[in-house]
Amino acid sequence: MKTKLYNYKILVEPDVRTGTNQPCYTALIPTLGVASDGNTIEEAIENVKEAGSLYLETLVEDGLGIP
């Protein structure tokens, strides 16, 4: 089985949580349309990486192409 390495851009911006107005950060992988958030920049990046990985696993399991 061949392994391919894909690189995706992650965009992070300051945000506030709906309802609590607490500061946070939102992270987005535009190519995949996957977003997440976190209390810190690092947490937001880790969360969106995990969400992106799960999304890609689902695409592979369903036999769909990887963007």
PDB file of N, CA and C in Angstrom:
ATOM      1  N   MET A   1       0.845  -1.183   0.000  1.00  0.00           N
ATOM      2  CA  MET A   1       0.000   0.000   0.000  1.00  0.00           C
ATOM      3  C   MET A   1       0.885   1.239   0.000  1.00  0.00           C
ATOM      4  N   LYS A   2       0.636   2.141  -0.930  1.00  0.00           N
ATOM      5  CA  LYS A   2       1.384   3.397  -1.000  1.00  0.00           C
ATOM      6  C   LYS A   2       0.791   4.415  -0.035  1.00  0.00           C
ATOM      7  N   THR A   3       1.671   5.184   0.548  1.00  0.00           N
ATOM      8  CA  THR A   3       1.236   6.263   1.426  1.00  0.00           C
ATOM      9  C   THR A   3       1.503   7.580   0.736  1.00  0.00           C
ATOM     10  N   LYS A   4       0.496   8.463   0.773  1.00  0.00           N
ATOM     11  CA  LYS A   4       0.655   9.802   0.212  1.00  0.00           C
ATOM     12  C   LYS A   4       0.566  10.817   1.348  1.00  0.00           C
ATOM     13  N   LEU A   5       1.296  11.877   1.200  1.00  0.00           N
ATOM     14  CA  LEU A   5       1.271  12.958   2.169  1.00  0.00           C
ATOM     15  C   LEU A   5       0.530  14.139   1.563  1.00  0.00           C
ATOM     16  N   TYR A   6      -0.474  14.610   2.276  1.00  0.00           N
ATOM     17  CA  TYR A   6      -1.250  15.766   1.831  1.00  0.00           C
ATOM     18  C   TYR A   6      -1.019  16.907   2.815  1.00  0.00           C
ATOM     19  N   ASN A   7      -0.908  18.107   2.302  1.00  0.00           N
ATOM     20  CA  ASN A   7      -0.773  19.298   3.126  1.00  0.00           C
ATOM     21  C   ASN A   7      -1.983  20.187   2.910  1.00  0.00           C
ATOM     22  N   TYR A   8      -2.601  20.595   3.998  1.00  0.00           N
ATOM     23  CA  TYR A   8      -3.758  21.479   3.924  1.00  0.00           C
ATOM     24  C   TYR A   8      -3.493  22.732   4.744  1.00  0.00           C
ATOM     25  N   LYS A   9      -3.910  23.857   4.209  1.00  0.00           N
ATOM     26  CA  LYS A   9      -3.770  25.129   4.916  1.00  0.00           C
ATOM     27  C   LYS A   9      -4.803  25.191   6.043  1.00  0.00           C
ATOM     28  N   ILE A  10      -4.373  25.669   7.211  1.00  0.00           N
ATOM     29  CA  ILE A  10      -5.265  25.888   8.349  1.00  0.00           C
ATOM     30  C   ILE A  10      -5.296  27.379   8.631  1.00  0.00           C
ATOM     31  N   LEU A  11      -6.484  27.933   8.651  1.00  0.00           N
ATOM     32  CA  LEU A  11      -6.670  29.353   8.978  1.00  0.00           C
ATOM     33  C   LEU A  11      -7.198  29.454  10.403  1.00  0.00           C
ATOM     34  N   VAL A  12      -6.609  30.335  11.202  1.00  0.00           N
ATOM     35  CA  VAL A  12      -7.021  30.529  12.593  1.00  0.00           C
ATOM     36  C   VAL A  12      -7.322  32.001  12.800  1.00  0.00           C
ATOM     37  N   GLU A  13      -8.444  32.250  13.479  1.00  0.00           N
ATOM     38  CA  GLU A  13      -8.771  33.647  13.792  1.00  0.00           C
ATOM     39  C   GLU A  13      -9.425  33.735  15.162  1.00  0.00           C
ATOM     40  N   PRO A  14      -9.241  34.864  15.835  1.00  0.00           N
ATOM     41  CA  PRO A  14      -9.891  35.061  17.137  1.00  0.00           C
ATOM     42  C   PRO A  14     -11.404  35.091  16.962  1.00  0.00           C
ATOM     43  N   ASP A  15     -12.097  34.619  17.970  1.00  0.00           N
ATOM     44  CA  ASP A  15     -13.559  34.562  17.913  1.00  0.00           C
ATOM     45  C   ASP A  15     -14.092  34.671  19.340  1.00  0.00           C
ATOM     46  N   VAL A  16     -15.393  34.674  19.494  1.00  0.00           N
ATOM     47  CA  VAL A  16     -16.041  34.598  20.805  1.00  0.00           C
ATOM     48  C   VAL A  16     -17.094  33.500  20.744  1.00  0.00           C
ATOM     49  N   ARG A  17     -17.243  32.783  21.842  1.00  0.00           N
ATOM     50  CA  ARG A  17     -18.221  31.701  21.902  1.00  0.00           C
ATOM     51  C   ARG A  17     -19.639  32.271  21.982  1.00  0.00           C
ATOM     52  N   THR A  18     -20.507  31.719  21.191  1.00  0.00           N
ATOM     53  CA  THR A  18     -21.908  32.119  21.201  1.00  0.00           C
ATOM     54  C   THR A  18     -22.514  31.766  22.555  1.00  0.00           C
ATOM     55  N   GLY A  19     -23.245  32.680  23.121  1.00  0.00           N
ATOM     56  CA  GLY A  19     -23.918  32.444  24.389  1.00  0.00           C
ATOM     57  C   GLY A  19     -23.129  32.913  25.593  1.00  0.00           C
ATOM     58  N   THR A  20     -21.810  32.656  25.596  1.00  0.00           N
ATOM     59  CA  THR A  20     -20.993  33.047  26.757  1.00  0.00           C
ATOM     60  C   THR A  20     -20.136  34.274  26.477  1.00  0.00           C
ATOM     61  N   ASN A  21     -19.947  34.589  25.207  1.00  0.00           N
ATOM     62  CA  ASN A  21     -19.077  35.688  24.787  1.00  0.00           C
ATOM     63  C   ASN A  21     -17.651  35.550  25.310  1.00  0.00           C
ATOM     64  N   GLN A  22     -17.233  34.316  25.625  1.00  0.00           N
ATOM     65  CA  GLN A  22     -15.862  34.062  26.050  1.00  0.00           C
ATOM     66  C   GLN A  22     -14.949  34.037  24.828  1.00  0.00           C
ATOM     67  N   PRO A  23     -13.747  34.596  24.947  1.00  0.00           N
ATOM     68  CA  PRO A  23     -12.825  34.581  23.810  1.00  0.00           C
ATOM     69  C   PRO A  23     -12.359  33.157  23.493  1.00  0.00           C
ATOM     70  N   CYS A  24     -12.173  32.893  22.214  1.00  0.00           N
ATOM     71  CA  CYS A  24     -11.655  31.609  21.755  1.00  0.00           C
ATOM     72  C   CYS A  24     -11.026  31.820  20.386  1.00  0.00           C
ATOM     73  N   TYR A  25     -10.635  30.739  19.754  1.00  0.00           N
ATOM     74  CA  TYR A  25     -10.075  30.793  18.401  1.00  0.00           C
ATOM     75  C   TYR A  25     -10.804  29.778  17.536  1.00  0.00           C
ATOM     76  N   THR A  26     -11.091  30.172  16.303  1.00  0.00           N
ATOM     77  CA  THR A  26     -11.701  29.283  15.335  1.00  0.00           C
ATOM     78  C   THR A  26     -10.645  28.904  14.311  1.00  0.00           C
ATOM     79  N   ALA A  27     -10.582  27.605  13.986  1.00  0.00           N
ATOM     80  CA  ALA A  27      -9.641  27.099  12.987  1.00  0.00           C
ATOM     81  C   ALA A  27     -10.432  26.445  11.860  1.00  0.00           C
ATOM     82  N   LEU A  28      -9.984  26.648  10.631  1.00  0.00           N
ATOM     83  CA  LEU A  28     -10.686  26.163   9.449  1.00  0.00           C
ATOM     84  C   LEU A  28      -9.692  25.554   8.471  1.00  0.00           C
ATOM     85  N   ILE A  29     -10.066  24.404   7.896  1.00  0.00           N
ATOM     86  CA  ILE A  29      -9.334  23.830   6.766  1.00  0.00           C
ATOM     87  C   ILE A  29     -10.228  24.063   5.552  1.00  0.00           C
ATOM     88  N   PRO A  30      -9.996  25.149   4.804  1.00  0.00           N
ATOM     89  CA  PRO A  30     -10.903  25.527   3.717  1.00  0.00           C
ATOM     90  C   PRO A  30     -11.091  24.451   2.654  1.00  0.00           C
ATOM     91  N   THR A  31     -10.033  23.752   2.294  1.00  0.00           N
ATOM     92  CA  THR A  31     -10.108  22.743   1.245  1.00  0.00           C
ATOM     93  C   THR A  31     -11.077  21.627   1.616  1.00  0.00           C
ATOM     94  N   LEU A  32     -11.146  21.304   2.902  1.00  0.00           N
ATOM     95  CA  LEU A  32     -12.018  20.223   3.360  1.00  0.00           C
ATOM     96  C   LEU A  32     -13.373  20.723   3.856  1.00  0.00           C
ATOM     97  N   GLY A  33     -13.463  22.015   4.132  1.00  0.00           N
ATOM     98  CA  GLY A  33     -14.697  22.558   4.696  1.00  0.00           C
ATOM     99  C   GLY A  33     -14.903  22.116   6.135  1.00  0.00           C
ATOM    100  N   VAL A  34     -13.791  21.910   6.862  1.00  0.00           N
ATOM    101  CA  VAL A  34     -13.836  21.436   8.243  1.00  0.00           C
ATOM    102  C   VAL A  34     -13.399  22.568   9.165  1.00  0.00           C
ATOM    103  N   ALA A  35     -14.146  22.762  10.262  1.00  0.00           N
ATOM    104  CA  ALA A  35     -13.812  23.814  11.219  1.00  0.00           C
ATOM    105  C   ALA A  35     -13.930  23.276  12.637  1.00  0.00           C
ATOM    106  N   SER A  36     -13.219  23.923  13.548  1.00  0.00           N
ATOM    107  CA  SER A  36     -13.311  23.617  14.967  1.00  0.00           C
ATOM    108  C   SER A  36     -12.856  24.847  15.737  1.00  0.00           C
ATOM    109  N   ASP A  37     -12.851  24.742  17.046  1.00  0.00           N
ATOM    110  CA  ASP A  37     -12.388  25.874  17.843  1.00  0.00           C
ATOM    111  C   ASP A  37     -11.606  25.378  19.047  1.00  0.00           C
ATOM    112  N   GLY A  38     -11.080  26.327  19.807  1.00  0.00           N
ATOM    113  CA  GLY A  38     -10.333  26.005  21.017  1.00  0.00           C
ATOM    114  C   GLY A  38     -10.096  27.253  21.834  1.00  0.00           C
ATOM    115  N   ASN A  39      -9.700  27.040  23.070  1.00  0.00           N
ATOM    116  CA  ASN A  39      -9.428  28.177  23.955  1.00  0.00           C
ATOM    117  C   ASN A  39      -8.131  28.885  23.604  1.00  0.00           C
ATOM    118  N   THR A  40      -7.207  28.158  22.970  1.00  0.00           N
ATOM    119  CA  THR A  40      -5.939  28.730  22.532  1.00  0.00           C
ATOM    120  C   THR A  40      -5.757  28.440  21.046  1.00  0.00           C
ATOM    121  N   ILE A  41      -4.800  29.105  20.435  1.00  0.00           N
ATOM    122  CA  ILE A  41      -4.501  28.846  19.024  1.00  0.00           C
ATOM    123  C   ILE A  41      -4.090  27.384  18.849  1.00  0.00           C
ATOM    124  N   GLU A  42      -3.230  26.919  19.733  1.00  0.00           N
ATOM    125  CA  GLU A  42      -2.733  25.544  19.640  1.00  0.00           C
ATOM    126  C   GLU A  42      -3.872  24.523  19.753  1.00  0.00           C
ATOM    127  N   GLU A  43      -4.791  24.762  20.697  1.00  0.00           N
ATOM    128  CA  GLU A  43      -5.923  23.854  20.890  1.00  0.00           C
ATOM    129  C   GLU A  43      -6.835  23.861  19.668  1.00  0.00           C
ATOM    130  N   ALA A  44      -7.085  25.019  19.102  1.00  0.00           N
ATOM    131  CA  ALA A  44      -7.924  25.114  17.905  1.00  0.00           C
ATOM    132  C   ALA A  44      -7.294  24.350  16.743  1.00  0.00           C
ATOM    133  N   ILE A  45      -5.975  24.468  16.584  1.00  0.00           N
ATOM    134  CA  ILE A  45      -5.280  23.760  15.505  1.00  0.00           C
ATOM    135  C   ILE A  45      -5.361  22.252  15.719  1.00  0.00           C
ATOM    136  N   GLU A  46      -5.103  21.792  16.931  1.00  0.00           N
ATOM    137  CA  GLU A  46      -5.176  20.352  17.209  1.00  0.00           C
ATOM    138  C   GLU A  46      -6.583  19.826  16.972  1.00  0.00           C
ATOM    139  N   ASN A  47      -7.592  20.577  17.408  1.00  0.00           N
ATOM    140  CA  ASN A  47      -8.981  20.147  17.229  1.00  0.00           C
ATOM    141  C   ASN A  47      -9.362  20.052  15.756  1.00  0.00           C
ATOM    142  N   VAL A  48      -8.942  21.021  14.941  1.00  0.00           N
ATOM    143  CA  VAL A  48      -9.298  20.986  13.531  1.00  0.00           C
ATOM    144  C   VAL A  48      -8.503  19.903  12.798  1.00  0.00           C
ATOM    145  N   LYS A  49      -7.278  19.635  13.246  1.00  0.00           N
ATOM    146  CA  LYS A  49      -6.516  18.536  12.651  1.00  0.00           C
ATOM    147  C   LYS A  49      -7.224  17.204  12.894  1.00  0.00           C
ATOM    148  N   GLU A  50      -7.712  17.013  14.118  1.00  0.00           N
ATOM    149  CA  GLU A  50      -8.435  15.780  14.443  1.00  0.00           C
ATOM    150  C   GLU A  50      -9.716  15.672  13.608  1.00  0.00           C
ATOM    151  N   ALA A  51     -10.459  16.765  13.507  1.00  0.00           N
ATOM    152  CA  ALA A  51     -11.684  16.760  12.709  1.00  0.00           C
ATOM    153  C   ALA A  51     -11.370  16.474  11.241  1.00  0.00           C
ATOM    154  N   GLY A  52     -10.298  17.070  10.731  1.00  0.00           N
ATOM    155  CA  GLY A  52      -9.899  16.832   9.347  1.00  0.00           C
ATOM    156  C   GLY A  52      -9.506  15.390   9.109  1.00  0.00           C
ATOM    157  N   SER A  53      -8.765  14.800  10.042  1.00  0.00           N
ATOM    158  CA  SER A  53      -8.360  13.402   9.920  1.00  0.00           C
ATOM    159  C   SER A  53      -9.569  12.476   9.895  1.00  0.00           C
ATOM    160  N   LEU A  54     -10.520  12.733  10.780  1.00  0.00           N
ATOM    161  CA  LEU A  54     -11.731  11.908  10.810  1.00  0.00           C
ATOM    162  C   LEU A  54     -12.524  12.043   9.512  1.00  0.00           C
ATOM    163  N   TYR A  55     -12.594  13.251   8.991  1.00  0.00           N
ATOM    164  CA  TYR A  55     -13.292  13.484   7.725  1.00  0.00           C
ATOM    165  C   TYR A  55     -12.613  12.726   6.585  1.00  0.00           C
ATOM    166  N   LEU A  56     -11.283  12.781   6.521  1.00  0.00           N
ATOM    167  CA  LEU A  56     -10.544  12.079   5.469  1.00  0.00           C
ATOM    168  C   LEU A  56     -10.709  10.565   5.603  1.00  0.00           C
ATOM    169  N   GLU A  57     -10.688  10.045   6.825  1.00  0.00           N
ATOM    170  CA  GLU A  57     -10.911   8.611   7.038  1.00  0.00           C
ATOM    171  C   GLU A  57     -12.274   8.192   6.502  1.00  0.00           C
ATOM    172  N   THR A  58     -13.282   9.021   6.734  1.00  0.00           N
ATOM    173  CA  THR A  58     -14.630   8.728   6.253  1.00  0.00           C
ATOM    174  C   THR A  58     -14.670   8.722   4.729  1.00  0.00           C
ATOM    175  N   LEU A  59     -13.988   9.670   4.099  1.00  0.00           N
ATOM    176  CA  LEU A  59     -13.938   9.696   2.637  1.00  0.00           C
ATOM    177  C   LEU A  59     -13.316   8.417   2.094  1.00  0.00           C
ATOM    178  N   VAL A  60     -12.220   7.976   2.699  1.00  0.00           N
ATOM    179  CA  VAL A  60     -11.534   6.765   2.255  1.00  0.00           C
ATOM    180  C   VAL A  60     -12.444   5.544   2.454  1.00  0.00           C
ATOM    181  N   GLU A  61     -13.070   5.432   3.629  1.00  0.00           N
ATOM    182  CA  GLU A  61     -13.962   4.314   3.916  1.00  0.00           C
ATOM    183  C   GLU A  61     -15.123   4.243   2.931  1.00  0.00           C
ATOM    184  N   ASP A  62     -15.608   5.415   2.513  1.00  0.00           N
ATOM    185  CA  ASP A  62     -16.738   5.474   1.587  1.00  0.00           C
ATOM    186  C   ASP A  62     -16.299   5.371   0.126  1.00  0.00           C
ATOM    187  N   GLY A  63     -14.992   5.234  -0.102  1.00  0.00           N
ATOM    188  CA  GLY A  63     -14.478   5.095  -1.459  1.00  0.00           C
ATOM    189  C   GLY A  63     -14.531   6.382  -2.278  1.00  0.00           C
ATOM    190  N   LEU A  64     -14.550   7.500  -1.589  1.00  0.00           N
ATOM    191  CA  LEU A  64     -14.596   8.796  -2.281  1.00  0.00           C
ATOM    192  C   LEU A  64     -13.185   9.363  -2.407  1.00  0.00           C
ATOM    193  N   GLY A  65     -13.001  10.278  -3.294  1.00  0.00           N
ATOM    194  CA  GLY A  65     -11.687  10.879  -3.518  1.00  0.00           C
ATOM    195  C   GLY A  65     -11.302  11.838  -2.394  1.00  0.00           C
ATOM    196  N   ILE A  66     -10.016  11.982  -2.205  1.00  0.00           N
ATOM    197  CA  ILE A  66      -9.485  12.924  -1.224  1.00  0.00           C
ATOM    198  C   ILE A  66      -9.102  14.213  -1.934  1.00  0.00           C
ATOM    199  N   PRO A  67      -9.653  15.332  -1.459  1.00  0.00           N
ATOM    200  CA  PRO A  67      -9.309  16.612  -2.120  1.00  0.00           C
ATOM    201  C   PRO A  67      -7.880  17.019  -1.866  1.00  0.00           C
TER     202      PRO A  67
END
